[in-house]
């Protein structure tokens, strides 16, 4: 059967075999690399997953789903600069995607690039002028959101844990396992 059918049937070893066969026949087939990367990720083989996500991105540079996989894995592996490059490209390709604007902003914060982060939080407020998360973080940075609605309540100054795992639930368990690594990135 097809690799996707095998994945749907939880026959991951068979799916990996089919995907490797496809890649051997057509090495530049980006979607096969992306799916194989996901299977390697699920198996905990992050370096293999990364190699296939990077190949997928090189063959299919406009595939936003594959780009999200690559960016999330870069971040999980501590390759924050590379993750940021991909998230910024994604945010450019999908300018109305609120989660991508916020993810890029948060990565800039991790890299202590406050002005760049503020720019992306402002882009998020253009998409959703009442976005509480963007407003809260801008306020905590003591930057006035330029899309301040006249009757908008001021968000409370609370600790906001920067969580990059909201883009893809497959990465949530790995992020939870690495929560200590993220604990230094708390804004109060």
N, C-alpha and C. Protein backbone atom coordinates (compact mmCIF):
# COMPACT_ATOMS: atom_id res chain seq x y z
N UNK A 1 0.82 -1.19 0.00
CA UNK A 1 0.00 0.00 0.00
C UNK A 1 0.86 1.25 0.00
N UNK A 2 0.21 2.37 -0.13
CA UNK A 2 0.94 3.64 -0.12
C UNK A 2 1.45 3.94 1.28
N UNK A 3 2.47 4.75 1.36
CA UNK A 3 3.06 5.12 2.65
C UNK A 3 2.03 5.78 3.55
N UNK A 4 1.18 6.63 2.99
CA UNK A 4 0.18 7.33 3.81
C UNK A 4 -0.84 6.35 4.39
N UNK A 5 -1.24 5.37 3.59
CA UNK A 5 -2.16 4.35 4.09
C UNK A 5 -1.51 3.55 5.22
N UNK A 6 -0.25 3.21 5.03
CA UNK A 6 0.47 2.45 6.06
C UNK A 6 0.61 3.26 7.35
N UNK A 7 0.85 4.55 7.20
CA UNK A 7 0.93 5.42 8.38
C UNK A 7 -0.42 5.45 9.08
N UNK A 8 -1.48 5.61 8.31
CA UNK A 8 -2.84 5.61 8.89
C UNK A 8 -3.16 4.32 9.62
N UNK A 9 -2.54 3.22 9.18
CA UNK A 9 -2.75 1.91 9.80
C UNK A 9 -1.72 1.63 10.90
N UNK A 10 -0.92 2.64 11.25
CA UNK A 10 0.12 2.53 12.29
C UNK A 10 1.18 1.48 11.93
N UNK A 11 1.38 1.26 10.67
CA UNK A 11 2.40 0.32 10.20
C UNK A 11 3.63 1.13 9.79
N UNK A 12 4.28 1.71 10.80
CA UNK A 12 5.35 2.67 10.57
C UNK A 12 6.58 2.06 9.91
N UNK A 13 6.97 0.86 10.31
CA UNK A 13 8.13 0.23 9.69
C UNK A 13 7.90 0.00 8.20
N UNK A 14 6.70 -0.46 7.86
CA UNK A 14 6.36 -0.66 6.45
C UNK A 14 6.34 0.67 5.70
N UNK A 15 5.78 1.68 6.34
CA UNK A 15 5.73 3.01 5.72
C UNK A 15 7.14 3.55 5.48
N UNK A 16 8.03 3.35 6.46
CA UNK A 16 9.41 3.81 6.29
C UNK A 16 10.07 3.07 5.11
N UNK A 17 9.79 1.80 4.99
CA UNK A 17 10.34 1.01 3.88
C UNK A 17 9.86 1.58 2.54
N UNK A 18 8.57 1.86 2.43
CA UNK A 18 8.01 2.41 1.20
C UNK A 18 8.62 3.78 0.90
N UNK A 19 8.74 4.61 1.91
CA UNK A 19 9.29 5.95 1.71
C UNK A 19 10.76 5.89 1.28
N UNK A 20 11.54 5.02 1.92
CA UNK A 20 12.94 4.88 1.52
C UNK A 20 13.04 4.36 0.07
N UNK A 21 12.13 3.47 -0.32
CA UNK A 21 12.10 2.97 -1.70
C UNK A 21 11.80 4.13 -2.66
N UNK A 22 10.80 4.95 -2.32
CA UNK A 22 10.46 6.10 -3.16
C UNK A 22 11.64 7.05 -3.30
N UNK A 23 12.32 7.30 -2.18
CA UNK A 23 13.46 8.22 -2.20
C UNK A 23 14.61 7.64 -3.02
N UNK A 24 14.79 6.32 -2.95
CA UNK A 24 15.83 5.69 -3.78
C UNK A 24 15.54 5.85 -5.26
N UNK A 25 14.25 5.81 -5.63
CA UNK A 25 13.86 5.97 -7.04
C UNK A 25 13.90 7.43 -7.46
N UNK A 26 13.48 8.32 -6.56
CA UNK A 26 13.40 9.76 -6.87
C UNK A 26 13.86 10.53 -5.63
N UNK A 27 15.15 10.77 -5.55
CA UNK A 27 15.72 11.36 -4.32
C UNK A 27 15.25 12.78 -4.06
N UNK A 28 14.75 13.47 -5.07
CA UNK A 28 14.33 14.86 -4.88
C UNK A 28 12.83 15.00 -4.56
N UNK A 29 12.18 13.92 -4.17
CA UNK A 29 10.75 13.97 -3.85
C UNK A 29 10.59 14.45 -2.41
N UNK A 30 10.42 15.75 -2.26
CA UNK A 30 10.35 16.40 -0.96
C UNK A 30 9.33 15.84 0.00
N UNK A 31 8.08 15.61 -0.42
CA UNK A 31 7.08 15.08 0.51
C UNK A 31 7.47 13.74 1.14
N UNK A 32 8.18 12.90 0.38
CA UNK A 32 8.62 11.62 0.94
C UNK A 32 9.65 11.85 2.05
N UNK A 33 10.55 12.81 1.82
CA UNK A 33 11.53 13.14 2.85
C UNK A 33 10.84 13.68 4.10
N UNK A 34 9.83 14.52 3.91
CA UNK A 34 9.12 15.10 5.05
C UNK A 34 8.41 14.01 5.87
N UNK A 35 7.71 13.12 5.18
CA UNK A 35 7.00 12.03 5.90
C UNK A 35 7.99 11.10 6.60
N UNK A 36 9.10 10.79 5.93
CA UNK A 36 10.11 9.94 6.55
C UNK A 36 10.72 10.66 7.77
N UNK A 37 10.92 11.96 7.63
CA UNK A 37 11.41 12.74 8.77
C UNK A 37 10.47 12.68 9.95
N UNK A 38 9.17 12.75 9.69
CA UNK A 38 8.19 12.65 10.78
C UNK A 38 8.25 11.29 11.46
N UNK A 39 8.40 10.24 10.66
CA UNK A 39 8.48 8.90 11.23
C UNK A 39 9.76 8.74 12.07
N UNK A 40 10.87 9.27 11.56
CA UNK A 40 12.10 9.23 12.35
C UNK A 40 11.93 10.03 13.65
N UNK A 41 11.27 11.18 13.55
CA UNK A 41 11.04 11.98 14.75
C UNK A 41 10.22 11.20 15.78
N UNK A 42 9.14 10.56 15.31
CA UNK A 42 8.30 9.77 16.21
C UNK A 42 9.09 8.64 16.87
N UNK A 43 10.10 8.13 16.16
CA UNK A 43 10.93 7.04 16.70
C UNK A 43 12.05 7.58 17.59
N UNK A 44 12.13 8.90 17.72
CA UNK A 44 13.16 9.50 18.56
C UNK A 44 14.51 9.62 17.87
N UNK A 45 14.55 9.45 16.58
CA UNK A 45 15.79 9.55 15.81
C UNK A 45 15.88 10.95 15.19
N UNK A 46 16.14 11.93 16.05
CA UNK A 46 16.06 13.34 15.66
C UNK A 46 17.07 13.74 14.58
N UNK A 47 18.28 13.19 14.61
CA UNK A 47 19.26 13.55 13.59
C UNK A 47 18.82 13.04 12.21
N UNK A 48 18.27 11.83 12.15
CA UNK A 48 17.72 11.33 10.89
C UNK A 48 16.54 12.18 10.45
N UNK A 49 15.68 12.52 11.39
CA UNK A 49 14.53 13.37 11.08
C UNK A 49 15.01 14.71 10.52
N UNK A 50 16.00 15.29 11.17
CA UNK A 50 16.51 16.59 10.72
C UNK A 50 17.06 16.50 9.29
N UNK A 51 17.81 15.47 9.02
CA UNK A 51 18.38 15.31 7.67
C UNK A 51 17.27 15.27 6.62
N UNK A 52 16.19 14.54 6.90
CA UNK A 52 15.11 14.42 5.92
C UNK A 52 14.27 15.70 5.86
N UNK A 53 14.07 16.37 6.98
CA UNK A 53 13.36 17.65 6.94
C UNK A 53 14.16 18.68 6.12
N UNK A 54 15.48 18.69 6.31
CA UNK A 54 16.31 19.62 5.54
C UNK A 54 16.27 19.29 4.05
N UNK A 55 16.31 18.00 3.72
CA UNK A 55 16.21 17.60 2.31
C UNK A 55 14.85 17.99 1.73
N UNK A 56 13.80 17.76 2.49
CA UNK A 56 12.47 18.14 2.03
C UNK A 56 12.40 19.63 1.74
N UNK A 57 12.95 20.42 2.66
CA UNK A 57 12.96 21.88 2.49
C UNK A 57 13.78 22.29 1.27
N UNK A 58 14.90 21.61 1.04
CA UNK A 58 15.74 21.98 -0.11
C UNK A 58 15.05 21.65 -1.43
N UNK A 59 14.25 20.58 -1.45
CA UNK A 59 13.56 20.19 -2.69
C UNK A 59 12.21 20.89 -2.86
N UNK A 60 11.58 21.24 -1.75
CA UNK A 60 10.24 21.86 -1.78
C UNK A 60 10.25 23.11 -0.89
N UNK A 61 10.96 24.17 -1.30
CA UNK A 61 11.12 25.34 -0.42
C UNK A 61 9.83 26.11 -0.14
N UNK A 62 8.75 25.79 -0.81
CA UNK A 62 7.48 26.48 -0.56
C UNK A 62 6.50 25.63 0.25
N UNK A 63 6.89 24.41 0.63
CA UNK A 63 6.02 23.52 1.40
C UNK A 63 6.01 23.97 2.85
N UNK A 64 4.97 24.70 3.22
CA UNK A 64 4.93 25.31 4.55
C UNK A 64 4.79 24.28 5.67
N UNK A 65 4.13 23.16 5.40
CA UNK A 65 4.03 22.11 6.41
C UNK A 65 5.40 21.53 6.73
N UNK A 66 6.18 21.24 5.69
CA UNK A 66 7.53 20.72 5.89
C UNK A 66 8.40 21.77 6.57
N UNK A 67 8.21 23.03 6.22
CA UNK A 67 8.99 24.10 6.85
C UNK A 67 8.69 24.19 8.35
N UNK A 68 7.43 24.01 8.73
CA UNK A 68 7.08 24.03 10.15
C UNK A 68 7.75 22.89 10.89
N UNK A 69 7.76 21.71 10.27
CA UNK A 69 8.43 20.57 10.89
C UNK A 69 9.91 20.87 11.11
N UNK A 70 10.55 21.42 10.10
CA UNK A 70 11.97 21.74 10.18
C UNK A 70 12.23 22.79 11.26
N UNK A 71 11.45 23.85 11.26
CA UNK A 71 11.65 24.93 12.24
C UNK A 71 11.45 24.43 13.67
N UNK A 72 10.41 23.65 13.87
CA UNK A 72 10.16 23.11 15.22
C UNK A 72 11.31 22.21 15.69
N UNK A 73 11.81 21.37 14.80
CA UNK A 73 12.90 20.47 15.19
C UNK A 73 14.19 21.26 15.42
N UNK A 74 14.48 22.24 14.58
CA UNK A 74 15.64 23.09 14.83
C UNK A 74 15.56 23.67 16.25
N UNK A 75 14.38 24.18 16.60
CA UNK A 75 14.24 24.78 17.92
C UNK A 75 14.45 23.74 19.02
N UNK A 76 13.83 22.59 18.86
CA UNK A 76 13.97 21.54 19.88
C UNK A 76 15.42 21.11 20.06
N UNK A 77 16.20 21.15 18.98
CA UNK A 77 17.60 20.74 19.05
C UNK A 77 18.52 21.89 19.48
N UNK A 78 17.91 23.02 19.84
CA UNK A 78 18.71 24.16 20.31
C UNK A 78 19.32 24.98 19.19
N UNK A 79 18.86 24.78 17.97
CA UNK A 79 19.38 25.53 16.82
C UNK A 79 18.46 26.72 16.57
N UNK A 80 18.46 27.63 17.54
CA UNK A 80 17.49 28.72 17.57
C UNK A 80 17.63 29.65 16.37
N UNK A 81 18.85 30.00 15.98
CA UNK A 81 19.06 30.89 14.83
C UNK A 81 18.47 30.27 13.55
N UNK A 82 18.72 28.98 13.35
CA UNK A 82 18.19 28.30 12.17
C UNK A 82 16.66 28.22 12.24
N UNK A 83 16.14 27.94 13.43
CA UNK A 83 14.68 27.90 13.59
C UNK A 83 14.09 29.26 13.23
N UNK A 84 14.73 30.31 13.71
CA UNK A 84 14.24 31.66 13.43
C UNK A 84 14.23 31.94 11.93
N UNK A 85 15.30 31.57 11.22
CA UNK A 85 15.35 31.79 9.77
C UNK A 85 14.14 31.16 9.08
N UNK A 86 13.82 29.94 9.47
CA UNK A 86 12.71 29.24 8.82
C UNK A 86 11.38 29.86 9.24
N UNK A 87 11.22 30.21 10.53
CA UNK A 87 9.96 30.82 10.97
C UNK A 87 9.75 32.18 10.30
N UNK A 88 10.81 32.96 10.13
CA UNK A 88 10.67 34.26 9.47
C UNK A 88 10.26 34.05 8.02
N UNK A 89 10.85 33.07 7.35
CA UNK A 89 10.44 32.76 5.97
C UNK A 89 8.98 32.33 5.93
N UNK A 90 8.59 31.48 6.87
CA UNK A 90 7.19 31.06 6.94
C UNK A 90 6.27 32.25 7.16
N UNK A 91 6.65 33.13 8.08
CA UNK A 91 5.83 34.31 8.39
C UNK A 91 5.72 35.21 7.17
N UNK A 92 6.75 35.23 6.34
CA UNK A 92 6.71 36.02 5.10
C UNK A 92 5.80 35.36 4.08
N UNK A 93 5.89 34.05 3.96
CA UNK A 93 5.04 33.32 3.00
C UNK A 93 3.57 33.33 3.42
N UNK A 94 3.34 33.31 4.74
CA UNK A 94 1.97 33.26 5.27
C UNK A 94 1.75 34.47 6.20
N UNK A 95 1.68 35.66 5.63
CA UNK A 95 1.64 36.88 6.46
C UNK A 95 0.39 37.01 7.32
N UNK A 96 -0.65 36.25 7.05
CA UNK A 96 -1.87 36.32 7.85
C UNK A 96 -1.98 35.20 8.88
N UNK A 97 -0.90 34.45 9.05
CA UNK A 97 -0.89 33.35 10.02
C UNK A 97 -0.41 33.89 11.37
N UNK A 98 -1.36 34.07 12.26
CA UNK A 98 -1.10 34.66 13.57
C UNK A 98 -0.06 33.87 14.36
N UNK A 99 -0.20 32.54 14.39
CA UNK A 99 0.73 31.71 15.17
C UNK A 99 2.16 31.84 14.67
N UNK A 100 2.35 31.97 13.36
CA UNK A 100 3.70 32.12 12.83
C UNK A 100 4.31 33.46 13.21
N UNK A 101 3.51 34.52 13.18
CA UNK A 101 4.03 35.83 13.58
C UNK A 101 4.47 35.80 15.04
N UNK A 102 3.65 35.17 15.88
CA UNK A 102 3.97 35.09 17.31
C UNK A 102 5.17 34.18 17.54
N UNK A 103 5.27 33.07 16.81
CA UNK A 103 6.42 32.17 16.96
C UNK A 103 7.72 32.89 16.59
N UNK A 104 7.71 33.63 15.49
CA UNK A 104 8.91 34.38 15.10
C UNK A 104 9.26 35.42 16.16
N UNK A 105 8.25 36.10 16.68
CA UNK A 105 8.49 37.10 17.73
C UNK A 105 9.12 36.47 18.96
N UNK A 106 8.61 35.32 19.36
CA UNK A 106 9.14 34.64 20.55
C UNK A 106 10.58 34.18 20.33
N UNK A 107 10.89 33.72 19.14
CA UNK A 107 12.26 33.32 18.87
C UNK A 107 13.20 34.53 18.93
N UNK A 108 12.75 35.65 18.43
CA UNK A 108 13.56 36.86 18.56
C UNK A 108 13.78 37.20 20.03
N UNK A 109 12.76 36.99 20.86
CA UNK A 109 12.94 37.24 22.30
C UNK A 109 13.98 36.31 22.90
N UNK A 110 13.93 35.04 22.52
CA UNK A 110 14.91 34.07 23.02
C UNK A 110 16.33 34.55 22.67
N UNK A 111 16.47 35.13 21.49
CA UNK A 111 17.78 35.63 21.05
C UNK A 111 18.05 37.04 21.54
N UNK A 112 17.15 37.54 22.41
CA UNK A 112 17.28 38.86 23.02
C UNK A 112 17.32 39.99 21.98
N UNK A 113 16.50 39.85 20.95
CA UNK A 113 16.37 40.86 19.91
C UNK A 113 14.99 41.49 20.06
N UNK A 114 14.92 42.41 21.02
CA UNK A 114 13.67 43.00 21.47
C UNK A 114 12.93 43.75 20.35
N UNK A 115 13.63 44.56 19.58
CA UNK A 115 12.98 45.36 18.55
C UNK A 115 12.38 44.49 17.44
N UNK A 116 13.13 43.46 17.04
CA UNK A 116 12.61 42.54 16.02
C UNK A 116 11.40 41.78 16.55
N UNK A 117 11.48 41.37 17.82
CA UNK A 117 10.35 40.68 18.44
C UNK A 117 9.12 41.59 18.45
N UNK A 118 9.32 42.84 18.84
CA UNK A 118 8.20 43.79 18.89
C UNK A 118 7.57 43.94 17.51
N UNK A 119 8.40 43.97 16.47
CA UNK A 119 7.88 44.10 15.11
C UNK A 119 6.93 42.96 14.77
N UNK A 120 7.31 41.73 15.12
CA UNK A 120 6.45 40.59 14.82
C UNK A 120 5.22 40.55 15.72
N UNK A 121 5.34 40.98 16.98
CA UNK A 121 4.15 41.06 17.82
C UNK A 121 3.18 42.10 17.26
N UNK A 122 3.71 43.20 16.73
CA UNK A 122 2.84 44.20 16.10
C UNK A 122 2.16 43.63 14.85
N UNK A 123 2.90 42.82 14.08
CA UNK A 123 2.27 42.16 12.91
C UNK A 123 1.14 41.26 13.37
N UNK A 124 1.34 40.58 14.49
CA UNK A 124 0.28 39.72 15.04
C UNK A 124 -0.94 40.55 15.40
N UNK A 125 -0.72 41.75 15.93
CA UNK A 125 -1.84 42.62 16.30
C UNK A 125 -2.55 43.19 15.08
N UNK A 126 -1.85 43.29 13.97
CA UNK A 126 -2.53 43.70 12.72
C UNK A 126 -3.51 42.61 12.31
N UNK A 127 -3.10 41.35 12.47
CA UNK A 127 -3.97 40.22 12.13
C UNK A 127 -5.13 40.12 13.12
N UNK A 128 -4.81 40.24 14.40
CA UNK A 128 -5.81 40.13 15.46
C UNK A 128 -5.57 41.24 16.49
N UNK A 129 -6.22 42.39 16.31
CA UNK A 129 -5.97 43.54 17.19
C UNK A 129 -6.23 43.28 18.67
N UNK A 130 -6.97 42.25 18.99
CA UNK A 130 -7.26 41.97 20.40
C UNK A 130 -6.49 40.76 20.93
N UNK A 131 -5.43 40.35 20.24
CA UNK A 131 -4.67 39.19 20.68
C UNK A 131 -4.02 39.47 22.03
N UNK A 132 -4.50 38.76 23.05
CA UNK A 132 -4.05 39.00 24.43
C UNK A 132 -2.58 38.65 24.62
N UNK A 133 -2.12 37.60 23.97
CA UNK A 133 -0.73 37.18 24.16
C UNK A 133 0.24 38.23 23.64
N UNK A 134 0.02 38.71 22.42
CA UNK A 134 0.91 39.73 21.85
C UNK A 134 0.86 41.00 22.69
N UNK A 135 -0.35 41.42 23.10
CA UNK A 135 -0.49 42.62 23.93
C UNK A 135 0.24 42.45 25.27
N UNK A 136 0.06 41.29 25.89
CA UNK A 136 0.67 41.04 27.19
C UNK A 136 2.19 41.10 27.11
N UNK A 137 2.75 40.46 26.10
CA UNK A 137 4.20 40.44 25.98
C UNK A 137 4.73 41.82 25.63
N UNK A 138 4.07 42.54 24.73
CA UNK A 138 4.51 43.91 24.42
C UNK A 138 4.45 44.78 25.67
N UNK A 139 3.40 44.62 26.45
CA UNK A 139 3.27 45.40 27.68
C UNK A 139 4.38 45.03 28.66
N UNK A 140 4.68 43.73 28.77
CA UNK A 140 5.74 43.31 29.69
C UNK A 140 7.10 43.83 29.23
N UNK A 141 7.25 44.06 27.93
CA UNK A 141 8.48 44.65 27.40
C UNK A 141 8.45 46.17 27.48
N UNK A 142 7.35 46.69 28.03
CA UNK A 142 7.12 48.13 28.16
C UNK A 142 7.10 48.81 26.79
N UNK A 143 6.47 48.13 25.84
CA UNK A 143 6.24 48.68 24.51
C UNK A 143 4.74 48.81 24.33
N UNK A 144 4.29 49.98 23.97
CA UNK A 144 2.86 50.19 23.79
C UNK A 144 2.43 49.59 22.46
N UNK A 145 1.48 48.66 22.48
CA UNK A 145 0.99 48.11 21.22
C UNK A 145 0.38 49.22 20.37
N UNK A 146 0.80 49.35 19.11
CA UNK A 146 0.30 50.44 18.29
C UNK A 146 -1.12 50.22 17.84
N UNK A 147 -1.63 49.03 18.03
CA UNK A 147 -3.03 48.76 17.69
C UNK A 147 -3.87 48.74 18.95
N UNK A 148 -3.64 49.69 19.84
CA UNK A 148 -4.39 49.75 21.09
C UNK A 148 -5.81 50.23 20.81
N UNK A 149 -6.76 49.34 20.97
CA UNK A 149 -8.16 49.74 20.82
C UNK A 149 -8.52 50.65 21.98
N UNK A 150 -9.30 51.71 21.76
CA UNK A 150 -9.58 52.67 22.82
C UNK A 150 -10.21 52.05 24.07
N UNK A 151 -11.03 51.02 23.90
CA UNK A 151 -11.71 50.43 25.06
C UNK A 151 -11.08 49.12 25.51
N UNK A 152 -9.90 48.80 24.97
CA UNK A 152 -9.27 47.53 25.32
C UNK A 152 -8.75 47.59 26.76
N UNK A 153 -9.06 46.55 27.50
CA UNK A 153 -8.55 46.47 28.87
C UNK A 153 -7.06 46.19 28.83
N UNK A 154 -6.35 46.77 29.76
CA UNK A 154 -4.91 46.51 29.86
C UNK A 154 -4.71 45.09 30.37
N UNK A 155 -3.85 44.31 29.71
CA UNK A 155 -3.63 42.95 30.18
C UNK A 155 -2.88 42.96 31.50
N UNK A 156 -3.15 42.00 32.36
CA UNK A 156 -2.42 41.94 33.62
C UNK A 156 -0.97 41.60 33.38
N UNK A 157 -0.08 42.06 34.26
CA UNK A 157 1.34 41.73 34.13
C UNK A 157 1.54 40.38 34.81
N UNK A 158 1.55 39.36 34.00
CA UNK A 158 1.71 38.01 34.52
C UNK A 158 2.90 37.36 33.84
N UNK A 159 3.38 36.30 34.43
CA UNK A 159 4.48 35.57 33.79
C UNK A 159 3.92 34.84 32.58
N UNK A 160 4.61 34.97 31.47
CA UNK A 160 4.21 34.30 30.25
C UNK A 160 5.32 33.35 29.87
N UNK A 161 5.03 32.07 29.87
CA UNK A 161 6.04 31.10 29.46
C UNK A 161 6.04 31.05 27.94
N UNK A 162 7.18 31.23 27.37
CA UNK A 162 7.30 31.21 25.93
C UNK A 162 7.21 29.76 25.47
N UNK A 163 6.17 29.48 24.74
CA UNK A 163 5.90 28.10 24.36
C UNK A 163 5.83 28.02 22.84
N UNK A 164 6.81 27.36 22.25
CA UNK A 164 6.86 27.23 20.81
C UNK A 164 6.15 25.98 20.32
N UNK A 165 5.60 25.22 21.22
CA UNK A 165 5.08 23.91 20.86
C UNK A 165 3.64 23.96 20.38
N UNK A 166 3.03 25.13 20.35
CA UNK A 166 1.63 25.21 19.97
C UNK A 166 1.41 25.01 18.48
N UNK A 167 2.47 25.13 17.67
CA UNK A 167 2.28 25.01 16.24
C UNK A 167 1.99 23.58 15.80
N UNK A 168 2.52 22.63 16.52
CA UNK A 168 2.36 21.26 16.08
C UNK A 168 2.36 20.34 17.30
N UNK A 169 1.24 19.68 17.54
CA UNK A 169 1.09 18.87 18.74
C UNK A 169 2.07 17.70 18.80
N UNK A 170 2.61 17.27 17.64
CA UNK A 170 3.57 16.16 17.67
C UNK A 170 4.81 16.54 18.47
N UNK A 171 5.10 17.84 18.54
CA UNK A 171 6.30 18.27 19.23
C UNK A 171 6.04 18.58 20.70
N UNK A 172 4.79 18.55 21.13
CA UNK A 172 4.44 18.93 22.49
C UNK A 172 5.12 18.04 23.53
N UNK A 173 5.06 16.73 23.36
CA UNK A 173 5.65 15.85 24.38
C UNK A 173 7.16 16.04 24.48
N UNK A 174 7.80 16.25 23.36
CA UNK A 174 9.25 16.49 23.40
C UNK A 174 9.55 17.82 24.09
N UNK A 175 8.72 18.82 23.88
CA UNK A 175 8.93 20.11 24.54
C UNK A 175 8.72 20.00 26.04
N UNK A 176 7.70 19.24 26.43
CA UNK A 176 7.45 19.06 27.86
C UNK A 176 8.65 18.37 28.50
N UNK A 177 9.21 17.39 27.81
CA UNK A 177 10.37 16.68 28.34
C UNK A 177 11.57 17.61 28.50
N UNK A 178 11.61 18.67 27.72
CA UNK A 178 12.74 19.60 27.77
C UNK A 178 12.37 20.92 28.44
N UNK A 179 11.35 20.93 29.28
CA UNK A 179 10.85 22.18 29.85
C UNK A 179 11.92 22.94 30.64
N UNK A 180 12.86 22.24 31.23
CA UNK A 180 13.92 22.94 31.97
C UNK A 180 14.71 23.86 31.05
N UNK A 181 14.92 23.42 29.82
CA UNK A 181 15.67 24.23 28.87
C UNK A 181 14.93 25.53 28.55
N UNK A 182 13.60 25.48 28.59
CA UNK A 182 12.81 26.65 28.25
C UNK A 182 12.60 27.56 29.45
N UNK A 183 12.86 27.09 30.66
CA UNK A 183 12.50 27.84 31.86
C UNK A 183 13.23 29.17 31.96
N UNK A 184 14.38 29.30 31.31
CA UNK A 184 15.08 30.58 31.38
C UNK A 184 14.44 31.66 30.52
N UNK A 185 13.50 31.27 29.68
CA UNK A 185 12.85 32.20 28.78
C UNK A 185 11.47 32.60 29.28
N UNK A 186 11.40 33.02 30.50
CA UNK A 186 10.14 33.44 31.10
C UNK A 186 10.19 34.95 31.24
N UNK A 187 9.15 35.57 30.77
CA UNK A 187 9.04 37.03 30.86
C UNK A 187 8.10 37.34 32.00
N UNK A 188 8.50 38.24 32.87
CA UNK A 188 7.64 38.64 33.98
C UNK A 188 7.27 40.10 33.81
